[in-house]
mmCIF file of all heavy atoms, coordinates in Angstrom:
data_MODEL
# 
_entry.id   MODEL 
# 
loop_
_atom_site.group_PDB 
_atom_site.id 
_atom_site.type_symbol 
_atom_site.label_atom_id 
_atom_site.label_alt_id 
_atom_site.label_comp_id 
_atom_site.label_asym_id 
_atom_site.label_entity_id 
_atom_site.label_seq_id 
_atom_site.pdbx_PDB_ins_code 
_atom_site.Cartn_x 
_atom_site.Cartn_y 
_atom_site.Cartn_z 
_atom_site.occupancy 
_atom_site.B_iso_or_equiv 
_atom_site.pdbx_formal_charge 
_atom_site.auth_seq_id 
_atom_site.auth_comp_id 
_atom_site.auth_asym_id 
_atom_site.auth_atom_id 
_atom_site.pdbx_PDB_model_num 
ATOM 1   N N   . VAL A 1 1  ? -9.802  6.051  1.832   1.00 0.00 ? 1  VAL A N   1 
ATOM 2   C CA  . VAL A 1 1  ? -11.015 5.473  2.419   1.00 0.00 ? 1  VAL A CA  1 
ATOM 3   C C   . VAL A 1 1  ? -10.649 4.423  3.459   1.00 0.00 ? 1  VAL A C   1 
ATOM 4   O O   . VAL A 1 1  ? -9.767  3.586  3.246   1.00 0.00 ? 1  VAL A O   1 
ATOM 5   C CB  . VAL A 1 1  ? -11.896 4.841  1.308   1.00 0.00 ? 1  VAL A CB  1 
ATOM 6   C CG1 . VAL A 1 1  ? -13.143 4.205  1.908   1.00 0.00 ? 1  VAL A CG1 1 
ATOM 7   C CG2 . VAL A 1 1  ? -12.270 5.874  0.270   1.00 0.00 ? 1  VAL A CG2 1 
ATOM 8   N N   . ASN A 1 2  ? -11.373 4.467  4.577   1.00 0.00 ? 2  ASN A N   1 
ATOM 9   C CA  . ASN A 1 2  ? -11.272 3.437  5.601   1.00 0.00 ? 2  ASN A CA  1 
ATOM 10  C C   . ASN A 1 2  ? -12.163 2.284  5.143   1.00 0.00 ? 2  ASN A C   1 
ATOM 11  O O   . ASN A 1 2  ? -13.382 2.447  5.020   1.00 0.00 ? 2  ASN A O   1 
ATOM 12  C CB  . ASN A 1 2  ? -11.736 3.996  6.945   1.00 0.00 ? 2  ASN A CB  1 
ATOM 13  C CG  . ASN A 1 2  ? -11.624 2.989  8.068   1.00 0.00 ? 2  ASN A CG  1 
ATOM 14  O OD1 . ASN A 1 2  ? -11.867 1.798  7.883   1.00 0.00 ? 2  ASN A OD1 1 
ATOM 15  N ND2 . ASN A 1 2  ? -11.262 3.486  9.240   1.00 0.00 ? 2  ASN A ND2 1 
ATOM 16  N N   . GLN A 1 3  ? -11.576 1.141  4.891   1.00 0.00 ? 3  GLN A N   1 
ATOM 17  C CA  . GLN A 1 3  ? -12.326 0.005  4.348   1.00 0.00 ? 3  GLN A CA  1 
ATOM 18  C C   . GLN A 1 3  ? -13.365 -0.529 5.336   1.00 0.00 ? 3  GLN A C   1 
ATOM 19  O O   . GLN A 1 3  ? -14.369 -1.109 4.929   1.00 0.00 ? 3  GLN A O   1 
ATOM 20  C CB  . GLN A 1 3  ? -11.370 -1.114 3.927   1.00 0.00 ? 3  GLN A CB  1 
ATOM 21  C CG  . GLN A 1 3  ? -10.404 -0.713 2.827   1.00 0.00 ? 3  GLN A CG  1 
ATOM 22  C CD  . GLN A 1 3  ? -11.086 -0.227 1.561   1.00 0.00 ? 3  GLN A CD  1 
ATOM 23  O OE1 . GLN A 1 3  ? -12.049 -0.807 1.095   1.00 0.00 ? 3  GLN A OE1 1 
ATOM 24  N NE2 . GLN A 1 3  ? -10.599 0.866  1.005   1.00 0.00 ? 3  GLN A NE2 1 
ATOM 25  N N   . SER A 1 4  ? -13.160 -0.326 6.626   1.00 0.00 ? 4  SER A N   1 
ATOM 26  C CA  . SER A 1 4  ? -14.108 -0.822 7.630   1.00 0.00 ? 4  SER A CA  1 
ATOM 27  C C   . SER A 1 4  ? -15.323 0.088  7.783   1.00 0.00 ? 4  SER A C   1 
ATOM 28  O O   . SER A 1 4  ? -16.460 -0.367 7.793   1.00 0.00 ? 4  SER A O   1 
ATOM 29  C CB  . SER A 1 4  ? -13.421 -0.959 8.992   1.00 0.00 ? 4  SER A CB  1 
ATOM 30  O OG  . SER A 1 4  ? -12.336 -1.846 8.889   1.00 0.00 ? 4  SER A OG  1 
ATOM 31  N N   . SER A 1 5  ? -15.059 1.404  7.938   1.00 0.00 ? 5  SER A N   1 
ATOM 32  C CA  . SER A 1 5  ? -16.156 2.331  8.242   1.00 0.00 ? 5  SER A CA  1 
ATOM 33  C C   . SER A 1 5  ? -16.618 3.162  7.041   1.00 0.00 ? 5  SER A C   1 
ATOM 34  O O   . SER A 1 5  ? -17.673 3.775  7.092   1.00 0.00 ? 5  SER A O   1 
ATOM 35  C CB  . SER A 1 5  ? -15.725 3.284  9.361   1.00 0.00 ? 5  SER A CB  1 
ATOM 36  O OG  . SER A 1 5  ? -14.713 4.162  8.884   1.00 0.00 ? 5  SER A OG  1 
ATOM 37  N N   . GLY A 1 6  ? -15.813 3.228  6.004   1.00 0.00 ? 6  GLY A N   1 
ATOM 38  C CA  . GLY A 1 6  ? -16.148 4.064  4.852   1.00 0.00 ? 6  GLY A CA  1 
ATOM 39  C C   . GLY A 1 6  ? -15.789 5.527  5.051   1.00 0.00 ? 6  GLY A C   1 
ATOM 40  O O   . GLY A 1 6  ? -16.052 6.355  4.174   1.00 0.00 ? 6  GLY A O   1 
ATOM 41  N N   . ALA A 1 7  ? -15.185 5.862  6.191   1.00 0.00 ? 7  ALA A N   1 
ATOM 42  C CA  . ALA A 1 7  ? -14.780 7.247  6.449   1.00 0.00 ? 7  ALA A CA  1 
ATOM 43  C C   . ALA A 1 7  ? -13.721 7.658  5.424   1.00 0.00 ? 7  ALA A C   1 
ATOM 44  O O   . ALA A 1 7  ? -12.977 6.830  4.908   1.00 0.00 ? 7  ALA A O   1 
ATOM 45  C CB  . ALA A 1 7  ? -14.229 7.369  7.868   1.00 0.00 ? 7  ALA A CB  1 
ATOM 46  N N   . GLU A 1 8  ? -13.681 8.958  5.146   1.00 0.00 ? 8  GLU A N   1 
ATOM 47  C CA  . GLU A 1 8  ? -12.764 9.471  4.140   1.00 0.00 ? 8  GLU A CA  1 
ATOM 48  C C   . GLU A 1 8  ? -11.904 10.593 4.707   1.00 0.00 ? 8  GLU A C   1 
ATOM 49  O O   . GLU A 1 8  ? -12.372 11.386 5.526   1.00 0.00 ? 8  GLU A O   1 
ATOM 50  C CB  . GLU A 1 8  ? -13.532 10.014 2.926   1.00 0.00 ? 8  GLU A CB  1 
ATOM 51  C CG  . GLU A 1 8  ? -14.342 8.982  2.201   1.00 0.00 ? 8  GLU A CG  1 
ATOM 52  C CD  . GLU A 1 8  ? -15.120 9.564  1.031   1.00 0.00 ? 8  GLU A CD  1 
ATOM 53  O OE1 . GLU A 1 8  ? -15.220 10.816 0.912   1.00 0.00 ? 8  GLU A OE1 1 
ATOM 54  O OE2 . GLU A 1 8  ? -15.630 8.768  0.225   1.00 0.00 ? 8  GLU A OE2 1 
ATOM 55  N N   . ILE A 1 9  ? -10.654 10.650 4.254   1.00 0.00 ? 9  ILE A N   1 
ATOM 56  C CA  . ILE A 1 9  ? -9.773  11.777 4.542   1.00 0.00 ? 9  ILE A CA  1 
ATOM 57  C C   . ILE A 1 9  ? -9.102  12.177 3.230   1.00 0.00 ? 9  ILE A C   1 
ATOM 58  O O   . ILE A 1 9  ? -8.995  11.373 2.294   1.00 0.00 ? 9  ILE A O   1 
ATOM 59  C CB  . ILE A 1 9  ? -8.734  11.463 5.644   1.00 0.00 ? 9  ILE A CB  1 
ATOM 60  C CG1 . ILE A 1 9  ? -7.914  10.217 5.310   1.00 0.00 ? 9  ILE A CG1 1 
ATOM 61  C CG2 . ILE A 1 9  ? -9.389  11.306 6.983   1.00 0.00 ? 9  ILE A CG2 1 
ATOM 62  C CD1 . ILE A 1 9  ? -6.836  9.905  6.326   1.00 0.00 ? 9  ILE A CD1 1 
ATOM 63  N N   . LEU A 1 10 ? -8.663  13.424 3.160   1.00 0.00 ? 10 LEU A N   1 
ATOM 64  C CA  . LEU A 1 10 ? -8.048  13.938 1.941   1.00 0.00 ? 10 LEU A CA  1 
ATOM 65  C C   . LEU A 1 10 ? -6.530  13.879 2.025   1.00 0.00 ? 10 LEU A C   1 
ATOM 66  O O   . LEU A 1 10 ? -5.939  14.127 3.084   1.00 0.00 ? 10 LEU A O   1 
ATOM 67  C CB  . LEU A 1 10 ? -8.466  15.389 1.695   1.00 0.00 ? 10 LEU A CB  1 
ATOM 68  C CG  . LEU A 1 10 ? -9.901  15.621 1.251   1.00 0.00 ? 10 LEU A CG  1 
ATOM 69  C CD1 . LEU A 1 10 ? -10.171 17.114 1.105   1.00 0.00 ? 10 LEU A CD1 1 
ATOM 70  C CD2 . LEU A 1 10 ? -10.177 14.907 -0.061  1.00 0.00 ? 10 LEU A CD2 1 
ATOM 71  N N   . LEU A 1 11 ? -5.925  13.584 0.892   1.00 0.00 ? 11 LEU A N   1 
ATOM 72  C CA  . LEU A 1 11 ? -4.472  13.576 0.743   1.00 0.00 ? 11 LEU A CA  1 
ATOM 73  C C   . LEU A 1 11 ? -4.098  14.626 -0.289  1.00 0.00 ? 11 LEU A C   1 
ATOM 74  O O   . LEU A 1 11 ? -4.693  14.685 -1.366  1.00 0.00 ? 11 LEU A O   1 
ATOM 75  C CB  . LEU A 1 11 ? -3.990  12.192 0.274   1.00 0.00 ? 11 LEU A CB  1 
ATOM 76  C CG  . LEU A 1 11 ? -2.550  12.103 -0.243  1.00 0.00 ? 11 LEU A CG  1 
ATOM 77  C CD1 . LEU A 1 11 ? -1.551  12.390 0.869   1.00 0.00 ? 11 LEU A CD1 1 
ATOM 78  C CD2 . LEU A 1 11 ? -2.289  10.736 -0.862  1.00 0.00 ? 11 LEU A CD2 1 
ATOM 79  N N   . PHE A 1 12 ? -3.087  15.440 0.048   1.00 0.00 ? 12 PHE A N   1 
ATOM 80  C CA  . PHE A 1 12 ? -2.524  16.419 -0.882  1.00 0.00 ? 12 PHE A CA  1 
ATOM 81  C C   . PHE A 1 12 ? -1.042  16.098 -1.068  1.00 0.00 ? 12 PHE A C   1 
ATOM 82  O O   . PHE A 1 12 ? -0.318  15.919 -0.086  1.00 0.00 ? 12 PHE A O   1 
ATOM 83  C CB  . PHE A 1 12 ? -2.662  17.846 -0.330  1.00 0.00 ? 12 PHE A CB  1 
ATOM 84  C CG  . PHE A 1 12 ? -4.088  18.264 -0.130  1.00 0.00 ? 12 PHE A CG  1 
ATOM 85  C CD1 . PHE A 1 12 ? -4.720  18.055 1.085   1.00 0.00 ? 12 PHE A CD1 1 
ATOM 86  C CD2 . PHE A 1 12 ? -4.789  18.852 -1.167  1.00 0.00 ? 12 PHE A CD2 1 
ATOM 87  C CE1 . PHE A 1 12 ? -6.035  18.432 1.270   1.00 0.00 ? 12 PHE A CE1 1 
ATOM 88  C CE2 . PHE A 1 12 ? -6.115  19.233 -0.988  1.00 0.00 ? 12 PHE A CE2 1 
ATOM 89  C CZ  . PHE A 1 12 ? -6.740  19.022 0.229   1.00 0.00 ? 12 PHE A CZ  1 
ATOM 90  N N   . ILE A 1 13 ? -0.591  16.016 -2.309  1.00 0.00 ? 13 ILE A N   1 
ATOM 91  C CA  . ILE A 1 13 ? 0.828   15.785 -2.603  1.00 0.00 ? 13 ILE A CA  1 
ATOM 92  C C   . ILE A 1 13 ? 1.480   17.160 -2.706  1.00 0.00 ? 13 ILE A C   1 
ATOM 93  O O   . ILE A 1 13 ? 1.068   17.983 -3.514  1.00 0.00 ? 13 ILE A O   1 
ATOM 94  C CB  . ILE A 1 13 ? 0.999   14.999 -3.928  1.00 0.00 ? 13 ILE A CB  1 
ATOM 95  C CG1 . ILE A 1 13 ? 0.279   13.659 -3.843  1.00 0.00 ? 13 ILE A CG1 1 
ATOM 96  C CG2 . ILE A 1 13 ? 2.468   14.838 -4.271  1.00 0.00 ? 13 ILE A CG2 1 
ATOM 97  C CD1 . ILE A 1 13 ? 0.783   12.747 -2.742  1.00 0.00 ? 13 ILE A CD1 1 
ATOM 98  N N   . ASN A 1 14 ? 2.522   17.408 -1.870  1.00 0.00 ? 14 ASN A N   1 
ATOM 99  C CA  . ASN A 1 14 ? 3.040   18.771 -1.821  1.00 0.00 ? 14 ASN A CA  1 
ATOM 100 C C   . ASN A 1 14 ? 4.527   18.908 -1.502  1.00 0.00 ? 14 ASN A C   1 
ATOM 101 O O   . ASN A 1 14 ? 4.982   19.993 -1.190  1.00 0.00 ? 14 ASN A O   1 
ATOM 102 C CB  . ASN A 1 14 ? 2.238   19.577 -0.801  1.00 0.00 ? 14 ASN A CB  1 
ATOM 103 C CG  . ASN A 1 14 ? 2.209   18.922 0.559   1.00 0.00 ? 14 ASN A CG  1 
ATOM 104 O OD1 . ASN A 1 14 ? 2.989   18.033 0.845   1.00 0.00 ? 14 ASN A OD1 1 
ATOM 105 N ND2 . ASN A 1 14 ? 1.291   19.367 1.398   1.00 0.00 ? 14 ASN A ND2 1 
ATOM 106 N N   . SER A 1 15 ? 5.289   17.829 -1.562  1.00 0.00 ? 15 SER A N   1 
ATOM 107 C CA  . SER A 1 15 ? 6.688   17.919 -1.185  1.00 0.00 ? 15 SER A CA  1 
ATOM 108 C C   . SER A 1 15 ? 7.515   17.022 -2.097  1.00 0.00 ? 15 SER A C   1 
ATOM 109 O O   . SER A 1 15 ? 7.243   15.824 -2.206  1.00 0.00 ? 15 SER A O   1 
ATOM 110 C CB  . SER A 1 15 ? 6.832   17.482 0.279   1.00 0.00 ? 15 SER A CB  1 
ATOM 111 O OG  . SER A 1 15 ? 8.163   17.426 0.670   1.00 0.00 ? 15 SER A OG  1 
ATOM 112 N N   . PHE A 1 16 ? 8.523   17.605 -2.764  1.00 0.00 ? 16 PHE A N   1 
ATOM 113 C CA  . PHE A 1 16 ? 9.335   16.860 -3.725  1.00 0.00 ? 16 PHE A CA  1 
ATOM 114 C C   . PHE A 1 16 ? 10.821  17.050 -3.431  1.00 0.00 ? 16 PHE A C   1 
ATOM 115 O O   . PHE A 1 16 ? 11.259  18.175 -3.193  1.00 0.00 ? 16 PHE A O   1 
ATOM 116 C CB  . PHE A 1 16 ? 9.055   17.342 -5.159  1.00 0.00 ? 16 PHE A CB  1 
ATOM 117 C CG  . PHE A 1 16 ? 7.626   17.149 -5.577  1.00 0.00 ? 16 PHE A CG  1 
ATOM 118 C CD1 . PHE A 1 16 ? 6.681   18.138 -5.356  1.00 0.00 ? 16 PHE A CD1 1 
ATOM 119 C CD2 . PHE A 1 16 ? 7.229   15.976 -6.192  1.00 0.00 ? 16 PHE A CD2 1 
ATOM 120 C CE1 . PHE A 1 16 ? 5.361   17.959 -5.741  1.00 0.00 ? 16 PHE A CE1 1 
ATOM 121 C CE2 . PHE A 1 16 ? 5.910   15.790 -6.579  1.00 0.00 ? 16 PHE A CE2 1 
ATOM 122 C CZ  . PHE A 1 16 ? 4.977   16.779 -6.348  1.00 0.00 ? 16 PHE A CZ  1 
ATOM 123 N N   . SER A 1 17 ? 11.586  15.961 -3.480  1.00 0.00 ? 17 SER A N   1 
ATOM 124 C CA  . SER A 1 17 ? 13.023  16.064 -3.249  1.00 0.00 ? 17 SER A CA  1 
ATOM 125 C C   . SER A 1 17 ? 13.713  16.846 -4.359  1.00 0.00 ? 17 SER A C   1 
ATOM 126 O O   . SER A 1 17 ? 14.828  17.322 -4.178  1.00 0.00 ? 17 SER A O   1 
ATOM 127 C CB  . SER A 1 17 ? 13.659  14.674 -3.135  1.00 0.00 ? 17 SER A CB  1 
ATOM 128 O OG  . SER A 1 17 ? 13.466  13.933 -4.327  1.00 0.00 ? 17 SER A OG  1 
ATOM 129 N N   . THR A 1 18 ? 13.057  16.984 -5.494  1.00 0.00 ? 18 THR A N   1 
ATOM 130 C CA  . THR A 1 18 ? 13.616  17.752 -6.606  1.00 0.00 ? 18 THR A CA  1 
ATOM 131 C C   . THR A 1 18 ? 13.479  19.255 -6.362  1.00 0.00 ? 18 THR A C   1 
ATOM 132 O O   . THR A 1 18 ? 13.982  20.049 -7.137  1.00 0.00 ? 18 THR A O   1 
ATOM 133 C CB  . THR A 1 18 ? 12.903  17.379 -7.918  1.00 0.00 ? 18 THR A CB  1 
ATOM 134 O OG1 . THR A 1 18 ? 11.499  17.594 -7.745  1.00 0.00 ? 18 THR A OG1 1 
ATOM 135 C CG2 . THR A 1 18 ? 13.160  15.941 -8.286  1.00 0.00 ? 18 THR A CG2 1 
ATOM 136 N N   . GLY A 1 19 ? 12.775  19.627 -5.276  1.00 0.00 ? 19 GLY A N   1 
ATOM 137 C CA  . GLY A 1 19 ? 12.593  21.033 -4.930  1.00 0.00 ? 19 GLY A CA  1 
ATOM 138 C C   . GLY A 1 19 ? 11.401  21.664 -5.615  1.00 0.00 ? 19 GLY A C   1 
ATOM 139 O O   . GLY A 1 19 ? 10.836  22.618 -5.132  1.00 0.00 ? 19 GLY A O   1 
ATOM 140 N N   . GLN A 1 20 ? 11.038  21.143 -6.744  1.00 0.00 ? 20 GLN A N   1 
ATOM 141 C CA  . GLN A 1 20 ? 9.893   21.647 -7.491  1.00 0.00 ? 20 GLN A CA  1 
ATOM 142 C C   . GLN A 1 20 ? 9.368   20.535 -8.380  1.00 0.00 ? 20 GLN A C   1 
ATOM 143 O O   . GLN A 1 20 ? 9.929   19.454 -8.424  1.00 0.00 ? 20 GLN A O   1 
ATOM 144 C CB  . GLN A 1 20 ? 10.274  22.866 -8.310  1.00 0.00 ? 20 GLN A CB  1 
ATOM 145 C CG  . GLN A 1 20 ? 11.461  22.629 -9.219  1.00 0.00 ? 20 GLN A CG  1 
ATOM 146 C CD  . GLN A 1 20 ? 12.014  23.925 -9.774  1.00 0.00 ? 20 GLN A CD  1 
ATOM 147 O OE1 . GLN A 1 20 ? 11.535  24.998 -9.463  1.00 0.00 ? 20 GLN A OE1 1 
ATOM 148 N NE2 . GLN A 1 20 ? 13.015  23.837 -10.609 1.00 0.00 ? 20 GLN A NE2 1 
ATOM 149 N N   . ARG A 1 21 ? 8.322   20.807 -9.115  1.00 0.00 ? 21 ARG A N   1 
ATOM 150 C CA  . ARG A 1 21 ? 7.702   19.777 -9.954  1.00 0.00 ? 21 ARG A CA  1 
ATOM 151 C C   . ARG A 1 21 ? 8.385   19.614 -11.304 1.00 0.00 ? 21 ARG A C   1 
ATOM 152 O O   . ARG A 1 21 ? 8.069   18.696 -12.037 1.00 0.00 ? 21 ARG A O   1 
ATOM 153 C CB  . ARG A 1 21 ? 6.223   20.096 -10.149 1.00 0.00 ? 21 ARG A CB  1 
ATOM 154 C CG  . ARG A 1 21 ? 5.442   19.941 -8.866  1.00 0.00 ? 21 ARG A CG  1 
ATOM 155 C CD  . ARG A 1 21 ? 3.995   20.367 -9.058  1.00 0.00 ? 21 ARG A CD  1 
ATOM 156 N NE  . ARG A 1 21 ? 3.294   20.354 -7.806  1.00 0.00 ? 21 ARG A NE  1 
ATOM 157 C CZ  . ARG A 1 21 ? 2.474   19.383 -7.415  1.00 0.00 ? 21 ARG A CZ  1 
ATOM 158 N NH1 . ARG A 1 21 ? 2.250   18.372 -8.200  1.00 0.00 ? 21 ARG A NH1 1 
ATOM 159 N NH2 . ARG A 1 21 ? 1.872   19.445 -6.256  1.00 0.00 ? 21 ARG A NH2 1 
ATOM 160 N N   . THR A 1 22 ? 9.297   20.476 -11.664 1.00 0.00 ? 22 THR A N   1 
ATOM 161 C CA  . THR A 1 22 ? 10.061  20.330 -12.901 1.00 0.00 ? 22 THR A CA  1 
ATOM 162 C C   . THR A 1 22 ? 11.529  20.189 -12.530 1.00 0.00 ? 22 THR A C   1 
ATOM 163 O O   . THR A 1 22 ? 12.055  20.964 -11.735 1.00 0.00 ? 22 THR A O   1 
ATOM 164 C CB  . THR A 1 22 ? 9.864   21.559 -13.818 1.00 0.00 ? 22 THR A CB  1 
ATOM 165 O OG1 . THR A 1 22 ? 8.476   21.686 -14.123 1.00 0.00 ? 22 THR A OG1 1 
ATOM 166 C CG2 . THR A 1 22 ? 10.643  21.406 -15.110 1.00 0.00 ? 22 THR A CG2 1 
ATOM 167 N N   . PHE A 1 23 ? 12.180  19.180 -13.109 1.00 0.00 ? 23 PHE A N   1 
ATOM 168 C CA  . PHE A 1 23 ? 13.587  18.946 -12.808 1.00 0.00 ? 23 PHE A CA  1 
ATOM 169 C C   . PHE A 1 23 ? 14.297  18.365 -14.018 1.00 0.00 ? 23 PHE A C   1 
ATOM 170 O O   . PHE A 1 23 ? 13.670  17.919 -14.972 1.00 0.00 ? 23 PHE A O   1 
ATOM 171 C CB  . PHE A 1 23 ? 13.744  18.029 -11.583 1.00 0.00 ? 23 PHE A CB  1 
ATOM 172 C CG  . PHE A 1 23 ? 13.262  16.618 -11.804 1.00 0.00 ? 23 PHE A CG  1 
ATOM 173 C CD1 . PHE A 1 23 ? 14.157  15.604 -12.114 1.00 0.00 ? 23 PHE A CD1 1 
ATOM 174 C CD2 . PHE A 1 23 ? 11.919  16.292 -11.689 1.00 0.00 ? 23 PHE A CD2 1 
ATOM 175 C CE1 . PHE A 1 23 ? 13.717  14.297 -12.307 1.00 0.00 ? 23 PHE A CE1 1 
ATOM 176 C CE2 . PHE A 1 23 ? 11.468  14.996 -11.876 1.00 0.00 ? 23 PHE A CE2 1 
ATOM 177 C CZ  . PHE A 1 23 ? 12.376  13.997 -12.186 1.00 0.00 ? 23 PHE A CZ  1 
ATOM 178 N N   . VAL A 1 24 ? 15.626  18.375 -13.966 1.00 0.00 ? 24 VAL A N   1 
ATOM 179 C CA  . VAL A 1 24 ? 16.467  17.807 -15.016 1.00 0.00 ? 24 VAL A CA  1 
ATOM 180 C C   . VAL A 1 24 ? 17.148  16.575 -14.441 1.00 0.00 ? 24 VAL A C   1 
ATOM 181 O O   . VAL A 1 24 ? 17.724  16.626 -13.347 1.00 0.00 ? 24 VAL A O   1 
ATOM 182 C CB  . VAL A 1 24 ? 17.530  18.828 -15.487 1.00 0.00 ? 24 VAL A CB  1 
ATOM 183 C CG1 . VAL A 1 24 ? 18.442  18.209 -16.531 1.00 0.00 ? 24 VAL A CG1 1 
ATOM 184 C CG2 . VAL A 1 24 ? 16.861  20.084 -16.016 1.00 0.00 ? 24 VAL A CG2 1 
ATOM 185 N N   . THR A 1 25 ? 17.077  15.453 -15.168 1.00 0.00 ? 25 THR A N   1 
ATOM 186 C CA  . THR A 1 25 ? 17.689  14.226 -14.673 1.00 0.00 ? 25 THR A CA  1 
ATOM 187 C C   . THR A 1 25 ? 19.200  14.393 -14.570 1.00 0.00 ? 25 THR A C   1 
ATOM 188 O O   . THR A 1 25 ? 19.828  14.999 -15.437 1.00 0.00 ? 25 THR A O   1 
ATOM 189 C CB  . THR A 1 25 ? 17.346  13.024 -15.580 1.00 0.00 ? 25 THR A CB  1 
ATOM 190 O OG1 . THR A 1 25 ? 17.777  13.304 -16.903 1.00 0.00 ? 25 THR A OG1 1 
ATOM 191 C CG2 . THR A 1 25 ? 15.854  12.735 -15.559 1.00 0.00 ? 25 THR A CG2 1 
# 
């Protein structure tokens, strides 16, 4: 959210350095 105007944009999380969402430490 833009605190001044109230405008909204969407964020999608889609990139991981682990290569995928499941990894082994």
